[in-house]
């Protein structure tokens, strides 16, 4: 897992990723394909499956710490 910076849009109770920065490069999020959530102990974790420039990525959001990670690409 790699920690990333991200720009999101909040719409009522939904979080919509708009772009993320990895190693100084910006990736515009073209499409959100799936969001799932689960628990790790007491913490709720969200995974966002996205498409950017024809590449598929999985992003992890930890709401308690507000941290974002790139899980896989």
C-alpha atoms as a PDB file:
ATOM      1  CA  UNK A   1       0.000   0.000   0.000  1.00  0.00           C
ATOM      2  CA  UNK A   2       1.224   3.454  -0.917  1.00  0.00           C
ATOM      3  CA  UNK A   3      -0.011   6.632   0.785  1.00  0.00           C
ATOM      4  CA  UNK A   4      -1.395   9.156  -1.728  1.00  0.00           C
ATOM      5  CA  UNK A   5      -2.809  12.673  -1.834  1.00  0.00           C
ATOM      6  CA  UNK A   6      -6.324  12.989  -3.204  1.00  0.00           C
ATOM      7  CA  UNK A   7      -8.938  15.555  -4.170  1.00  0.00           C
ATOM      8  CA  UNK A   8     -12.515  14.498  -3.359  1.00  0.00           C
ATOM      9  CA  UNK A   9     -15.981  15.934  -3.710  1.00  0.00           C
ATOM     10  CA  UNK A  10     -18.511  15.488  -0.926  1.00  0.00           C
ATOM     11  CA  UNK A  11     -22.146  15.102  -1.947  1.00  0.00           C
ATOM     12  CA  UNK A  12     -24.420  14.713   1.091  1.00  0.00           C
ATOM     13  CA  UNK A  13     -23.087  11.492   2.619  1.00  0.00           C
ATOM     14  CA  UNK A  14     -21.113  10.312  -0.440  1.00  0.00           C
ATOM     15  CA  UNK A  15     -17.412  10.764  -1.153  1.00  0.00           C
ATOM     16  CA  UNK A  16     -16.443  11.051  -4.821  1.00  0.00           C
ATOM     17  CA  UNK A  17     -12.710  10.908  -5.671  1.00  0.00           C
ATOM     18  CA  UNK A  18     -11.799  13.405  -8.421  1.00  0.00           C
ATOM     19  CA  UNK A  19      -8.018  13.010  -8.786  1.00  0.00           C
ATOM     20  CA  UNK A  20      -5.058  11.622  -6.903  1.00  0.00           C
ATOM     21  CA  UNK A  21      -1.347  12.348  -6.811  1.00  0.00           C
ATOM     22  CA  UNK A  22       1.207   9.554  -6.841  1.00  0.00           C
ATOM     23  CA  UNK A  23       4.955  10.201  -6.967  1.00  0.00           C
ATOM     24  CA  UNK A  24       4.340  13.805  -8.059  1.00  0.00           C
ATOM     25  CA  UNK A  25       2.083  12.816 -10.983  1.00  0.00           C
ATOM     26  CA  UNK A  26      -1.638  13.695 -11.091  1.00  0.00           C
ATOM     27  CA  UNK A  27      -4.188  11.084 -12.126  1.00  0.00           C
ATOM     28  CA  UNK A  28      -7.637  12.409 -13.079  1.00  0.00           C
ATOM     29  CA  UNK A  29     -10.325   9.921 -12.134  1.00  0.00           C
ATOM     30  CA  UNK A  30     -12.403   9.232 -15.226  1.00  0.00           C
ATOM     31  CA  UNK A  31     -14.811   6.705 -13.767  1.00  0.00           C
ATOM     32  CA  UNK A  32     -15.755   5.231 -10.416  1.00  0.00           C
ATOM     33  CA  UNK A  33     -16.666   1.588 -11.051  1.00  0.00           C
ATOM     34  CA  UNK A  34     -17.269   0.188  -7.561  1.00  0.00           C
ATOM     35  CA  UNK A  35     -17.212   1.181  -3.894  1.00  0.00           C
ATOM     36  CA  UNK A  36     -17.170  -1.422  -1.152  1.00  0.00           C
ATOM     37  CA  UNK A  37     -16.604  -1.237   2.577  1.00  0.00           C
ATOM     38  CA  UNK A  38     -15.635  -3.610   5.344  1.00  0.00           C
ATOM     39  CA  UNK A  39     -14.310  -3.598   8.886  1.00  0.00           C
ATOM     40  CA  UNK A  40     -10.793  -4.137  10.188  1.00  0.00           C
ATOM     41  CA  UNK A  41     -11.299  -4.457  13.915  1.00  0.00           C
ATOM     42  CA  UNK A  42     -13.225  -1.339  14.988  1.00  0.00           C
ATOM     43  CA  UNK A  43     -12.257   0.640  11.894  1.00  0.00           C
ATOM     44  CA  UNK A  44     -14.461   0.933   8.809  1.00  0.00           C
ATOM     45  CA  UNK A  45     -12.511   0.848   5.519  1.00  0.00           C
ATOM     46  CA  UNK A  46     -13.684   1.896   2.049  1.00  0.00           C
ATOM     47  CA  UNK A  47     -12.239   0.701  -1.264  1.00  0.00           C
ATOM     48  CA  UNK A  48     -12.869   2.753  -4.394  1.00  0.00           C
ATOM     49  CA  UNK A  49     -12.292   1.000  -7.726  1.00  0.00           C
ATOM     50  CA  UNK A  50     -11.549   3.643 -10.340  1.00  0.00           C
ATOM     51  CA  UNK A  51     -10.402   4.156 -13.932  1.00  0.00           C
ATOM     52  CA  UNK A  52      -7.848   6.817 -14.853  1.00  0.00           C
ATOM     53  CA  UNK A  53      -6.482   7.152 -18.376  1.00  0.00           C
ATOM     54  CA  UNK A  54      -7.521   3.599 -19.244  1.00  0.00           C
ATOM     55  CA  UNK A  55      -5.776   2.184 -16.146  1.00  0.00           C
ATOM     56  CA  UNK A  56      -7.584   0.546 -13.245  1.00  0.00           C
ATOM     57  CA  UNK A  57      -6.723   1.453  -9.648  1.00  0.00           C
ATOM     58  CA  UNK A  58      -8.016   0.533  -6.215  1.00  0.00           C
ATOM     59  CA  UNK A  59      -7.937   3.283  -3.580  1.00  0.00           C
ATOM     60  CA  UNK A  60      -8.383   2.772   0.153  1.00  0.00           C
ATOM     61  CA  UNK A  61      -9.958   5.381   2.428  1.00  0.00           C
ATOM     62  CA  UNK A  62      -9.729   5.247   6.219  1.00  0.00           C
ATOM     63  CA  UNK A  63     -12.378   7.701   7.499  1.00  0.00           C
ATOM     64  CA  UNK A  64     -11.167   7.737  11.118  1.00  0.00           C
ATOM     65  CA  UNK A  65      -7.726   9.035  10.104  1.00  0.00           C
ATOM     66  CA  UNK A  66      -8.777  10.602   6.751  1.00  0.00           C
ATOM     67  CA  UNK A  67      -5.878   8.791   5.051  1.00  0.00           C
ATOM     68  CA  UNK A  68      -5.912   7.522   1.459  1.00  0.00           C
ATOM     69  CA  UNK A  69      -3.796   4.750  -0.038  1.00  0.00           C
ATOM     70  CA  UNK A  70      -3.213   3.217  -3.449  1.00  0.00           C
ATOM     71  CA  UNK A  71      -3.876  -0.482  -2.921  1.00  0.00           C
ATOM     72  CA  UNK A  72      -3.212  -1.808  -6.421  1.00  0.00           C
ATOM     73  CA  UNK A  73      -2.954  -0.732 -10.025  1.00  0.00           C
END
